[in-house]
mmCIF file of all heavy atoms, coordinates in Angstrom:
data_MODEL
# 
_entry.id   MODEL 
# 
loop_
_atom_site.group_PDB 
_atom_site.id 
_atom_site.type_symbol 
_atom_site.label_atom_id 
_atom_site.label_alt_id 
_atom_site.label_comp_id 
_atom_site.label_asym_id 
_atom_site.label_entity_id 
_atom_site.label_seq_id 
_atom_site.pdbx_PDB_ins_code 
_atom_site.Cartn_x 
_atom_site.Cartn_y 
_atom_site.Cartn_z 
_atom_site.occupancy 
_atom_site.B_iso_or_equiv 
_atom_site.pdbx_formal_charge 
_atom_site.auth_seq_id 
_atom_site.auth_comp_id 
_atom_site.auth_asym_id 
_atom_site.auth_atom_id 
_atom_site.pdbx_PDB_model_num 
ATOM 1   N N   . SER A 1 1  ? -7.015  6.735   2.828  1.00 0.00 ? 1  SER A N   1 
ATOM 2   C CA  . SER A 1 1  ? -7.237  8.098   3.311  1.00 0.00 ? 1  SER A CA  1 
ATOM 3   C C   . SER A 1 1  ? -5.991  8.661   4.001  1.00 0.00 ? 1  SER A C   1 
ATOM 4   O O   . SER A 1 1  ? -5.914  9.874   4.280  1.00 0.00 ? 1  SER A O   1 
ATOM 5   C CB  . SER A 1 1  ? -8.445  8.155   4.250  1.00 0.00 ? 1  SER A CB  1 
ATOM 6   O OG  . SER A 1 1  ? -8.175  7.370   5.383  1.00 0.00 ? 1  SER A OG  1 
ATOM 7   N N   . LEU A 1 2  ? -5.021  7.823   4.316  1.00 0.00 ? 2  LEU A N   1 
ATOM 8   C CA  . LEU A 1 2  ? -3.803  8.266   5.017  1.00 0.00 ? 2  LEU A CA  1 
ATOM 9   C C   . LEU A 1 2  ? -2.595  8.412   4.089  1.00 0.00 ? 2  LEU A C   1 
ATOM 10  O O   . LEU A 1 2  ? -1.504  8.628   4.583  1.00 0.00 ? 2  LEU A O   1 
ATOM 11  C CB  . LEU A 1 2  ? -3.440  7.228   6.103  1.00 0.00 ? 2  LEU A CB  1 
ATOM 12  C CG  . LEU A 1 2  ? -4.446  7.023   7.244  1.00 0.00 ? 2  LEU A CG  1 
ATOM 13  C CD1 . LEU A 1 2  ? -3.932  5.979   8.195  1.00 0.00 ? 2  LEU A CD1 1 
ATOM 14  C CD2 . LEU A 1 2  ? -4.675  8.347   7.973  1.00 0.00 ? 2  LEU A CD2 1 
ATOM 15  N N   . LYS A 1 3  ? -2.822  8.330   2.783  1.00 0.00 ? 3  LYS A N   1 
ATOM 16  C CA  . LYS A 1 3  ? -1.699  8.426   1.852  1.00 0.00 ? 3  LYS A CA  1 
ATOM 17  C C   . LYS A 1 3  ? -0.803  9.652   2.122  1.00 0.00 ? 3  LYS A C   1 
ATOM 18  O O   . LYS A 1 3  ? 0.387   9.584   2.103  1.00 0.00 ? 3  LYS A O   1 
ATOM 19  C CB  . LYS A 1 3  ? -2.215  8.459   0.416  1.00 0.00 ? 3  LYS A CB  1 
ATOM 20  C CG  . LYS A 1 3  ? -2.034  7.184   -0.324 1.00 0.00 ? 3  LYS A CG  1 
ATOM 21  C CD  . LYS A 1 3  ? -2.439  7.378   -1.758 1.00 0.00 ? 3  LYS A CD  1 
ATOM 22  C CE  . LYS A 1 3  ? -2.175  6.089   -2.502 1.00 0.00 ? 3  LYS A CE  1 
ATOM 23  N NZ  . LYS A 1 3  ? -2.584  6.172   -3.900 1.00 0.00 ? 3  LYS A NZ  1 
ATOM 24  N N   . GLU A 1 4  ? -1.510  10.774  2.369  1.00 0.00 ? 4  GLU A N   1 
ATOM 25  C CA  . GLU A 1 4  ? -0.744  12.016  2.572  1.00 0.00 ? 4  GLU A CA  1 
ATOM 26  C C   . GLU A 1 4  ? 0.018   12.016  3.900  1.00 0.00 ? 4  GLU A C   1 
ATOM 27  O O   . GLU A 1 4  ? 0.996   12.714  4.073  1.00 0.00 ? 4  GLU A O   1 
ATOM 28  C CB  . GLU A 1 4  ? -1.729  13.228  2.537  1.00 0.00 ? 4  GLU A CB  1 
ATOM 29  C CG  . GLU A 1 4  ? -2.485  13.354  1.224  1.00 0.00 ? 4  GLU A CG  1 
ATOM 30  C CD  . GLU A 1 4  ? -1.572  13.481  0.024  1.00 0.00 ? 4  GLU A CD  1 
ATOM 31  O OE1 . GLU A 1 4  ? -0.525  14.225  0.127  1.00 0.00 ? 4  GLU A OE1 1 
ATOM 32  O OE2 . GLU A 1 4  ? -1.830  12.842  -1.015 1.00 0.00 ? 4  GLU A OE2 1 
ATOM 33  N N   . GLU A 1 5  ? -0.439  11.229  4.874  1.00 0.00 ? 5  GLU A N   1 
ATOM 34  C CA  . GLU A 1 5  ? 0.167   11.214  6.203  1.00 0.00 ? 5  GLU A CA  1 
ATOM 35  C C   . GLU A 1 5  ? 1.208   10.125  6.355  1.00 0.00 ? 5  GLU A C   1 
ATOM 36  O O   . GLU A 1 5  ? 1.762   9.947   7.438  1.00 0.00 ? 5  GLU A O   1 
ATOM 37  C CB  . GLU A 1 5  ? -0.931  11.047  7.255  1.00 0.00 ? 5  GLU A CB  1 
ATOM 38  C CG  . GLU A 1 5  ? -1.943  12.170  7.273  1.00 0.00 ? 5  GLU A CG  1 
ATOM 39  C CD  . GLU A 1 5  ? -3.115  11.828  8.157  1.00 0.00 ? 5  GLU A CD  1 
ATOM 40  O OE1 . GLU A 1 5  ? -3.944  10.976  7.748  1.00 0.00 ? 5  GLU A OE1 1 
ATOM 41  O OE2 . GLU A 1 5  ? -3.193  12.411  9.239  1.00 0.00 ? 5  GLU A OE2 1 
ATOM 42  N N   . LEU A 1 6  ? 1.506   9.369   5.299  1.00 0.00 ? 6  LEU A N   1 
ATOM 43  C CA  . LEU A 1 6  ? 2.458   8.268   5.419  1.00 0.00 ? 6  LEU A CA  1 
ATOM 44  C C   . LEU A 1 6  ? 3.853   8.747   5.860  1.00 0.00 ? 6  LEU A C   1 
ATOM 45  O O   . LEU A 1 6  ? 4.579   8.011   6.484  1.00 0.00 ? 6  LEU A O   1 
ATOM 46  C CB  . LEU A 1 6  ? 2.562   7.476   4.110  1.00 0.00 ? 6  LEU A CB  1 
ATOM 47  C CG  . LEU A 1 6  ? 1.447   6.475   3.872  1.00 0.00 ? 6  LEU A CG  1 
ATOM 48  C CD1 . LEU A 1 6  ? 1.581   5.853   2.512  1.00 0.00 ? 6  LEU A CD1 1 
ATOM 49  C CD2 . LEU A 1 6  ? 1.415   5.447   4.928  1.00 0.00 ? 6  LEU A CD2 1 
ATOM 50  N N   . SER A 1 7  ? 4.179   9.979   5.532  1.00 0.00 ? 7  SER A N   1 
ATOM 51  C CA  . SER A 1 7  ? 5.493   10.504  5.944  1.00 0.00 ? 7  SER A CA  1 
ATOM 52  C C   . SER A 1 7  ? 5.550   10.606  7.485  1.00 0.00 ? 7  SER A C   1 
ATOM 53  O O   . SER A 1 7  ? 6.659   10.516  8.054  1.00 0.00 ? 7  SER A O   1 
ATOM 54  C CB  . SER A 1 7  ? 5.751   11.845  5.317  1.00 0.00 ? 7  SER A CB  1 
ATOM 55  O OG  . SER A 1 7  ? 4.758   12.769  5.753  1.00 0.00 ? 7  SER A OG  1 
ATOM 56  N N   . LEU A 1 8  ? 4.440   10.746  8.171  1.00 0.00 ? 8  LEU A N   1 
ATOM 57  C CA  . LEU A 1 8  ? 4.436   10.797  9.608  1.00 0.00 ? 8  LEU A CA  1 
ATOM 58  C C   . LEU A 1 8  ? 4.679   9.457   10.252 1.00 0.00 ? 8  LEU A C   1 
ATOM 59  O O   . LEU A 1 8  ? 5.070   9.380   11.415 1.00 0.00 ? 8  LEU A O   1 
ATOM 60  C CB  . LEU A 1 8  ? 3.054   11.316  10.107 1.00 0.00 ? 8  LEU A CB  1 
ATOM 61  C CG  . LEU A 1 8  ? 2.660   12.736  9.646  1.00 0.00 ? 8  LEU A CG  1 
ATOM 62  C CD1 . LEU A 1 8  ? 1.257   13.044  10.123 1.00 0.00 ? 8  LEU A CD1 1 
ATOM 63  C CD2 . LEU A 1 8  ? 3.630   13.765  10.212 1.00 0.00 ? 8  LEU A CD2 1 
ATOM 64  N N   . ILE A 1 9  ? 4.476   8.377   9.521  1.00 0.00 ? 9  ILE A N   1 
ATOM 65  C CA  . ILE A 1 9  ? 4.591   7.042   10.053 1.00 0.00 ? 9  ILE A CA  1 
ATOM 66  C C   . ILE A 1 9  ? 6.047   6.704   10.320 1.00 0.00 ? 9  ILE A C   1 
ATOM 67  O O   . ILE A 1 9  ? 6.394   6.130   11.323 1.00 0.00 ? 9  ILE A O   1 
ATOM 68  C CB  . ILE A 1 9  ? 3.913   5.994   9.169  1.00 0.00 ? 9  ILE A CB  1 
ATOM 69  C CG1 . ILE A 1 9  ? 2.400   6.230   9.214  1.00 0.00 ? 9  ILE A CG1 1 
ATOM 70  C CG2 . ILE A 1 9  ? 4.242   4.562   9.575  1.00 0.00 ? 9  ILE A CG2 1 
ATOM 71  C CD1 . ILE A 1 9  ? 1.577   5.396   8.311  1.00 0.00 ? 9  ILE A CD1 1 
ATOM 72  N N   . ASN A 1 10 ? 6.912   7.067   9.419  1.00 0.00 ? 10 ASN A N   1 
ATOM 73  C CA  . ASN A 1 10 ? 8.385   6.975   9.606  1.00 0.00 ? 10 ASN A CA  1 
ATOM 74  C C   . ASN A 1 10 ? 8.811   5.568   10.024 1.00 0.00 ? 10 ASN A C   1 
ATOM 75  O O   . ASN A 1 10 ? 9.394   5.360   11.097 1.00 0.00 ? 10 ASN A O   1 
ATOM 76  C CB  . ASN A 1 10 ? 8.830   8.022   10.659 1.00 0.00 ? 10 ASN A CB  1 
ATOM 77  C CG  . ASN A 1 10 ? 10.345  8.136   10.696 1.00 0.00 ? 10 ASN A CG  1 
ATOM 78  O OD1 . ASN A 1 10 ? 11.021  7.717   9.777  1.00 0.00 ? 10 ASN A OD1 1 
ATOM 79  N ND2 . ASN A 1 10 ? 10.857  8.683   11.760 1.00 0.00 ? 10 ASN A ND2 1 
ATOM 80  N N   . MET A 1 11 ? 8.528   4.580   9.181  1.00 0.00 ? 11 MET A N   1 
ATOM 81  C CA  . MET A 1 11 ? 9.052   3.212   9.386  1.00 0.00 ? 11 MET A CA  1 
ATOM 82  C C   . MET A 1 11 ? 9.685   2.755   8.063  1.00 0.00 ? 11 MET A C   1 
ATOM 83  O O   . MET A 1 11 ? 9.058   2.075   7.291  1.00 0.00 ? 11 MET A O   1 
ATOM 84  C CB  . MET A 1 11 ? 7.909   2.275   9.781  1.00 0.00 ? 11 MET A CB  1 
ATOM 85  C CG  . MET A 1 11 ? 7.543   2.335   11.219 1.00 0.00 ? 11 MET A CG  1 
ATOM 86  S SD  . MET A 1 11 ? 6.515   0.949   11.688 1.00 0.00 ? 11 MET A SD  1 
ATOM 87  C CE  . MET A 1 11 ? 4.986   1.769   11.919 1.00 0.00 ? 11 MET A CE  1 
ATOM 88  N N   . PRO A 1 12 ? 10.929  3.111   7.858  1.00 0.00 ? 12 PRO A N   1 
ATOM 89  C CA  . PRO A 1 12 ? 11.590  2.821   6.567  1.00 0.00 ? 12 PRO A CA  1 
ATOM 90  C C   . PRO A 1 12 ? 11.722  1.341   6.269  1.00 0.00 ? 12 PRO A C   1 
ATOM 91  O O   . PRO A 1 12 ? 11.781  0.924   5.129  1.00 0.00 ? 12 PRO A O   1 
ATOM 92  C CB  . PRO A 1 12 ? 12.940  3.530   6.675  1.00 0.00 ? 12 PRO A CB  1 
ATOM 93  C CG  . PRO A 1 12 ? 13.161  3.736   8.141  1.00 0.00 ? 12 PRO A CG  1 
ATOM 94  C CD  . PRO A 1 12 ? 11.809  3.814   8.775  1.00 0.00 ? 12 PRO A CD  1 
ATOM 95  N N   . ASP A 1 13 ? 11.767  0.493   7.283  1.00 0.00 ? 13 ASP A N   1 
ATOM 96  C CA  . ASP A 1 13 ? 11.950  -0.947  7.056  1.00 0.00 ? 13 ASP A CA  1 
ATOM 97  C C   . ASP A 1 13 ? 10.669  -1.691  6.840  1.00 0.00 ? 13 ASP A C   1 
ATOM 98  O O   . ASP A 1 13 ? 10.673  -2.918  6.631  1.00 0.00 ? 13 ASP A O   1 
ATOM 99  C CB  . ASP A 1 13 ? 12.709  -1.576  8.263  1.00 0.00 ? 13 ASP A CB  1 
ATOM 100 C CG  . ASP A 1 13 ? 14.131  -1.016  8.367  1.00 0.00 ? 13 ASP A CG  1 
ATOM 101 O OD1 . ASP A 1 13 ? 14.790  -0.860  7.300  1.00 0.00 ? 13 ASP A OD1 1 
ATOM 102 O OD2 . ASP A 1 13 ? 14.582  -0.770  9.510  1.00 0.00 ? 13 ASP A OD2 1 
ATOM 103 N N   . ALA A 1 14 ? 9.541   -0.989  6.968  1.00 0.00 ? 14 ALA A N   1 
ATOM 104 C CA  . ALA A 1 14 ? 8.237   -1.651  6.856  1.00 0.00 ? 14 ALA A CA  1 
ATOM 105 C C   . ALA A 1 14 ? 7.826   -1.792  5.397  1.00 0.00 ? 14 ALA A C   1 
ATOM 106 O O   . ALA A 1 14 ? 8.069   -0.918  4.574  1.00 0.00 ? 14 ALA A O   1 
ATOM 107 C CB  . ALA A 1 14 ? 7.194   -0.872  7.596  1.00 0.00 ? 14 ALA A CB  1 
ATOM 108 N N   . GLU A 1 15 ? 7.199   -2.928  5.122  1.00 0.00 ? 15 GLU A N   1 
ATOM 109 C CA  . GLU A 1 15 ? 6.545   -3.092  3.820  1.00 0.00 ? 15 GLU A CA  1 
ATOM 110 C C   . GLU A 1 15 ? 5.140   -2.543  3.973  1.00 0.00 ? 15 GLU A C   1 
ATOM 111 O O   . GLU A 1 15 ? 4.435   -2.914  4.927  1.00 0.00 ? 15 GLU A O   1 
ATOM 112 C CB  . GLU A 1 15 ? 6.535   -4.600  3.472  1.00 0.00 ? 15 GLU A CB  1 
ATOM 113 C CG  . GLU A 1 15 ? 6.024   -4.880  2.076  1.00 0.00 ? 15 GLU A CG  1 
ATOM 114 C CD  . GLU A 1 15 ? 6.007   -6.400  1.781  1.00 0.00 ? 15 GLU A CD  1 
ATOM 115 O OE1 . GLU A 1 15 ? 6.560   -7.193  2.568  1.00 0.00 ? 15 GLU A OE1 1 
ATOM 116 O OE2 . GLU A 1 15 ? 5.423   -6.743  0.740  1.00 0.00 ? 15 GLU A OE2 1 
ATOM 117 N N   . ILE A 1 16 ? 4.773   -1.630  3.100  1.00 0.00 ? 16 ILE A N   1 
ATOM 118 C CA  . ILE A 1 16 ? 3.500   -0.956  3.248  1.00 0.00 ? 16 ILE A CA  1 
ATOM 119 C C   . ILE A 1 16 ? 2.539   -1.253  2.083  1.00 0.00 ? 16 ILE A C   1 
ATOM 120 O O   . ILE A 1 16 ? 2.965   -1.269  0.928  1.00 0.00 ? 16 ILE A O   1 
ATOM 121 C CB  . ILE A 1 16 ? 3.684   0.588   3.341  1.00 0.00 ? 16 ILE A CB  1 
ATOM 122 C CG1 . ILE A 1 16 ? 4.621   0.912   4.514  1.00 0.00 ? 16 ILE A CG1 1 
ATOM 123 C CG2 . ILE A 1 16 ? 2.363   1.325   3.478  1.00 0.00 ? 16 ILE A CG2 1 
ATOM 124 C CD1 . ILE A 1 16 ? 5.047   2.360   4.593  1.00 0.00 ? 16 ILE A CD1 1 
ATOM 125 N N   . HIS A 1 17 ? 1.284   -1.550  2.446  1.00 0.00 ? 17 HIS A N   1 
ATOM 126 C CA  . HIS A 1 17 ? 0.236   -1.722  1.446  1.00 0.00 ? 17 HIS A CA  1 
ATOM 127 C C   . HIS A 1 17 ? -0.901  -0.745  1.767  1.00 0.00 ? 17 HIS A C   1 
ATOM 128 O O   . HIS A 1 17 ? -1.174  -0.476  2.946  1.00 0.00 ? 17 HIS A O   1 
ATOM 129 C CB  . HIS A 1 17 ? -0.312  -3.149  1.454  1.00 0.00 ? 17 HIS A CB  1 
ATOM 130 C CG  . HIS A 1 17 ? 0.535   -4.136  0.704  1.00 0.00 ? 17 HIS A CG  1 
ATOM 131 N ND1 . HIS A 1 17 ? 0.064   -5.306  0.241  1.00 0.00 ? 17 HIS A ND1 1 
ATOM 132 C CD2 . HIS A 1 17 ? 1.831   -4.093  0.323  1.00 0.00 ? 17 HIS A CD2 1 
ATOM 133 C CE1 . HIS A 1 17 ? 0.997   -5.985  -0.406 1.00 0.00 ? 17 HIS A CE1 1 
ATOM 134 N NE2 . HIS A 1 17 ? 2.101   -5.240  -0.335 1.00 0.00 ? 17 HIS A NE2 1 
ATOM 135 N N   . ILE A 1 18 ? -1.537  -0.264  0.689  1.00 0.00 ? 18 ILE A N   1 
ATOM 136 C CA  . ILE A 1 18 ? -2.647  0.668   0.834  1.00 0.00 ? 18 ILE A CA  1 
ATOM 137 C C   . ILE A 1 18 ? -3.930  -0.041  0.470  1.00 0.00 ? 18 ILE A C   1 
ATOM 138 O O   . ILE A 1 18 ? -4.020  -0.758  -0.544 1.00 0.00 ? 18 ILE A O   1 
ATOM 139 C CB  . ILE A 1 18 ? -2.464  1.881   -0.125 1.00 0.00 ? 18 ILE A CB  1 
ATOM 140 C CG1 . ILE A 1 18 ? -1.118  2.577   0.117  1.00 0.00 ? 18 ILE A CG1 1 
ATOM 141 C CG2 . ILE A 1 18 ? -3.639  2.859   -0.014 1.00 0.00 ? 18 ILE A CG2 1 
ATOM 142 C CD1 . ILE A 1 18 ? -1.016  3.382   1.342  1.00 0.00 ? 18 ILE A CD1 1 
ATOM 143 N N   . VAL A 1 19 ? -4.960  0.148   1.269  1.00 0.00 ? 19 VAL A N   1 
ATOM 144 C CA  . VAL A 1 19 ? -6.260  -0.467  1.025  1.00 0.00 ? 19 VAL A CA  1 
ATOM 145 C C   . VAL A 1 19 ? -7.329  0.614   1.069  1.00 0.00 ? 19 VAL A C   1 
ATOM 146 O O   . VAL A 1 19 ? -7.216  1.584   1.802  1.00 0.00 ? 19 VAL A O   1 
ATOM 147 C CB  . VAL A 1 19 ? -6.531  -1.589  2.062  1.00 0.00 ? 19 VAL A CB  1 
ATOM 148 C CG1 . VAL A 1 19 ? -6.717  -1.015  3.446  1.00 0.00 ? 19 VAL A CG1 1 
ATOM 149 C CG2 . VAL A 1 19 ? -7.739  -2.393  1.672  1.00 0.00 ? 19 VAL A CG2 1 
ATOM 150 N N   . ASP A 1 20 ? -8.338  0.459   0.177  1.00 0.00 ? 20 ASP A N   1 
ATOM 151 C CA  . ASP A 1 20 ? -9.414  1.482   0.118  1.00 0.00 ? 20 ASP A CA  1 
ATOM 152 C C   . ASP A 1 20 ? -10.235 1.539   1.390  1.00 0.00 ? 20 ASP A C   1 
ATOM 153 O O   . ASP A 1 20 ? -10.455 2.601   1.911  1.00 0.00 ? 20 ASP A O   1 
ATOM 154 C CB  . ASP A 1 20 ? -10.306 1.248   -1.097 1.00 0.00 ? 20 ASP A CB  1 
ATOM 155 C CG  . ASP A 1 20 ? -9.589  1.586   -2.419 1.00 0.00 ? 20 ASP A CG  1 
ATOM 156 O OD1 . ASP A 1 20 ? -8.703  2.451   -2.388 1.00 0.00 ? 20 ASP A OD1 1 
ATOM 157 O OD2 . ASP A 1 20 ? -9.923  0.936   -3.436 1.00 0.00 ? 20 ASP A OD2 1 
ATOM 158 N N   . LYS A 1 21 ? -10.734 0.413   1.851  1.00 0.00 ? 21 LYS A N   1 
ATOM 159 C CA  . LYS A 1 21 ? -11.556 0.362   3.041  1.00 0.00 ? 21 LYS A CA  1 
ATOM 160 C C   . LYS A 1 21 ? -10.982 -0.627  4.045  1.00 0.00 ? 21 LYS A C   1 
ATOM 161 O O   . LYS A 1 21 ? -10.582 -1.704  3.683  1.00 0.00 ? 21 LYS A O   1 
ATOM 162 C CB  . LYS A 1 21 ? -12.980 -0.035  2.689  1.00 0.00 ? 21 LYS A CB  1 
ATOM 163 C CG  . LYS A 1 21 ? -13.709 0.991   1.889  1.00 0.00 ? 21 LYS A CG  1 
ATOM 164 C CD  . LYS A 1 21 ? -15.139 0.545   1.642  1.00 0.00 ? 21 LYS A CD  1 
ATOM 165 C CE  . LYS A 1 21 ? -15.833 1.591   0.792  1.00 0.00 ? 21 LYS A CE  1 
ATOM 166 N NZ  . LYS A 1 21 ? -17.194 1.248   0.487  1.00 0.00 ? 21 LYS A NZ  1 
ATOM 167 N N   . MET A 1 22 ? -11.012 -0.205  5.292  1.00 0.00 ? 22 MET A N   1 
ATOM 168 C CA  . MET A 1 22 ? -10.517 -1.064  6.369  1.00 0.00 ? 22 MET A CA  1 
ATOM 169 C C   . MET A 1 22 ? -11.473 -0.941  7.555  1.00 0.00 ? 22 MET A C   1 
ATOM 170 O O   . MET A 1 22 ? -11.864 0.167   7.873  1.00 0.00 ? 22 MET A O   1 
ATOM 171 C CB  . MET A 1 22 ? -9.108  -0.616  6.767  1.00 0.00 ? 22 MET A CB  1 
ATOM 172 C CG  . MET A 1 22 ? -8.423  -1.599  7.662  1.00 0.00 ? 22 MET A CG  1 
ATOM 173 S SD  . MET A 1 22 ? -6.785  -1.044  8.202  1.00 0.00 ? 22 MET A SD  1 
ATOM 174 C CE  . MET A 1 22 ? -6.030  -0.408  6.747  1.00 0.00 ? 22 MET A CE  1 
ATOM 175 N N   . PHE A 1 23 ? -11.820 -2.042  8.139  1.00 0.00 ? 23 PHE A N   1 
ATOM 176 C CA  . PHE A 1 23 ? -12.713 -2.032  9.276  1.00 0.00 ? 23 PHE A CA  1 
ATOM 177 C C   . PHE A 1 23 ? -11.909 -2.365  10.517 1.00 0.00 ? 23 PHE A C   1 
ATOM 178 O O   . PHE A 1 23 ? -11.678 -3.527  10.819 1.00 0.00 ? 23 PHE A O   1 
ATOM 179 C CB  . PHE A 1 23 ? -13.859 -3.053  9.073  1.00 0.00 ? 23 PHE A CB  1 
ATOM 180 C CG  . PHE A 1 23 ? -14.620 -2.782  7.799  1.00 0.00 ? 23 PHE A CG  1 
ATOM 181 C CD1 . PHE A 1 23 ? -14.370 -3.558  6.682  1.00 0.00 ? 23 PHE A CD1 1 
ATOM 182 C CD2 . PHE A 1 23 ? -15.541 -1.758  7.772  1.00 0.00 ? 23 PHE A CD2 1 
ATOM 183 C CE1 . PHE A 1 23 ? -15.077 -3.307  5.506  1.00 0.00 ? 23 PHE A CE1 1 
ATOM 184 C CE2 . PHE A 1 23 ? -16.263 -1.535  6.604  1.00 0.00 ? 23 PHE A CE2 1 
ATOM 185 C CZ  . PHE A 1 23 ? -16.040 -2.315  5.459  1.00 0.00 ? 23 PHE A CZ  1 
ATOM 186 N N   . GLY A 1 24 ? -11.493 -1.401  11.192 1.00 0.00 ? 24 GLY A N   1 
ATOM 187 C CA  . GLY A 1 24 ? -10.720 -1.612  12.436 1.00 0.00 ? 24 GLY A CA  1 
ATOM 188 C C   . GLY A 1 24 ? -9.245  -1.692  12.192 1.00 0.00 ? 24 GLY A C   1 
ATOM 189 O O   . GLY A 1 24 ? -8.762  -1.805  11.058 1.00 0.00 ? 24 GLY A O   1 
ATOM 190 N N   . GLY A 1 25 ? -8.499  -1.662  13.279 1.00 0.00 ? 25 GLY A N   1 
ATOM 191 C CA  . GLY A 1 25 ? -7.031  -1.732  13.156 1.00 0.00 ? 25 GLY A CA  1 
ATOM 192 C C   . GLY A 1 25 ? -6.451  -2.403  14.380 1.00 0.00 ? 25 GLY A C   1 
ATOM 193 O O   . GLY A 1 25 ? -7.168  -2.774  15.334 1.00 0.00 ? 25 GLY A O   1 
ATOM 194 N N   . GLY A 1 26 ? -5.145  -2.587  14.354 1.00 0.00 ? 26 GLY A N   1 
ATOM 195 C CA  . GLY A 1 26 ? -4.504  -3.214  15.480 1.00 0.00 ? 26 GLY A CA  1 
ATOM 196 C C   . GLY A 1 26 ? -3.124  -3.733  15.130 1.00 0.00 ? 26 GLY A C   1 
ATOM 197 O O   . GLY A 1 26 ? -2.595  -3.422  14.073 1.00 0.00 ? 26 GLY A O   1 
ATOM 198 N N   . ILE A 1 27 ? -2.609  -4.563  16.019 1.00 0.00 ? 27 ILE A N   1 
ATOM 199 C CA  . ILE A 1 27 ? -1.263  -5.139  15.880 1.00 0.00 ? 27 ILE A CA  1 
ATOM 200 C C   . ILE A 1 27 ? -1.355  -6.646  16.112 1.00 0.00 ? 27 ILE A C   1 
ATOM 201 O O   . ILE A 1 27 ? -2.016  -7.087  17.031 1.00 0.00 ? 27 ILE A O   1 
ATOM 202 C CB  . ILE A 1 27 ? -0.289  -4.523  16.895 1.00 0.00 ? 27 ILE A CB  1 
ATOM 203 C CG1 . ILE A 1 27 ? -0.153  -3.015  16.701 1.00 0.00 ? 27 ILE A CG1 1 
ATOM 204 C CG2 . ILE A 1 27 ? 1.069   -5.193  16.773 1.00 0.00 ? 27 ILE A CG2 1 
ATOM 205 C CD1 . ILE A 1 27 ? 0.680   -2.334  17.767 1.00 0.00 ? 27 ILE A CD1 1 
ATOM 206 N N   . ILE A 1 28 ? -0.640  -7.410  15.253 1.00 0.00 ? 28 ILE A N   1 
ATOM 207 C CA  . ILE A 1 28 ? -0.519  -8.833  15.428 1.00 0.00 ? 28 ILE A CA  1 
ATOM 208 C C   . ILE A 1 28 ? 0.956   -9.139  15.469 1.00 0.00 ? 28 ILE A C   1 
ATOM 209 O O   . ILE A 1 28 ? 1.703   -8.758  14.561 1.00 0.00 ? 28 ILE A O   1 
ATOM 210 C CB  . ILE A 1 28 ? -1.179  -9.617  14.254 1.00 0.00 ? 28 ILE A CB  1 
ATOM 211 C CG1 . ILE A 1 28 ? -2.628  -9.211  14.067 1.00 0.00 ? 28 ILE A CG1 1 
ATOM 212 C CG2 . ILE A 1 28 ? -1.048  -11.121 14.468 1.00 0.00 ? 28 ILE A CG2 1 
ATOM 213 C CD1 . ILE A 1 28 ? -3.256  -9.658  12.758 1.00 0.00 ? 28 ILE A CD1 1 
# 
């Protein structure tokens, strides 16, 4: 659901994967 907003993330060095459904978020 955030595909259109990925330009706002602005992390060029990050490897990004898209998933259809996600339950919760955070940082590890």
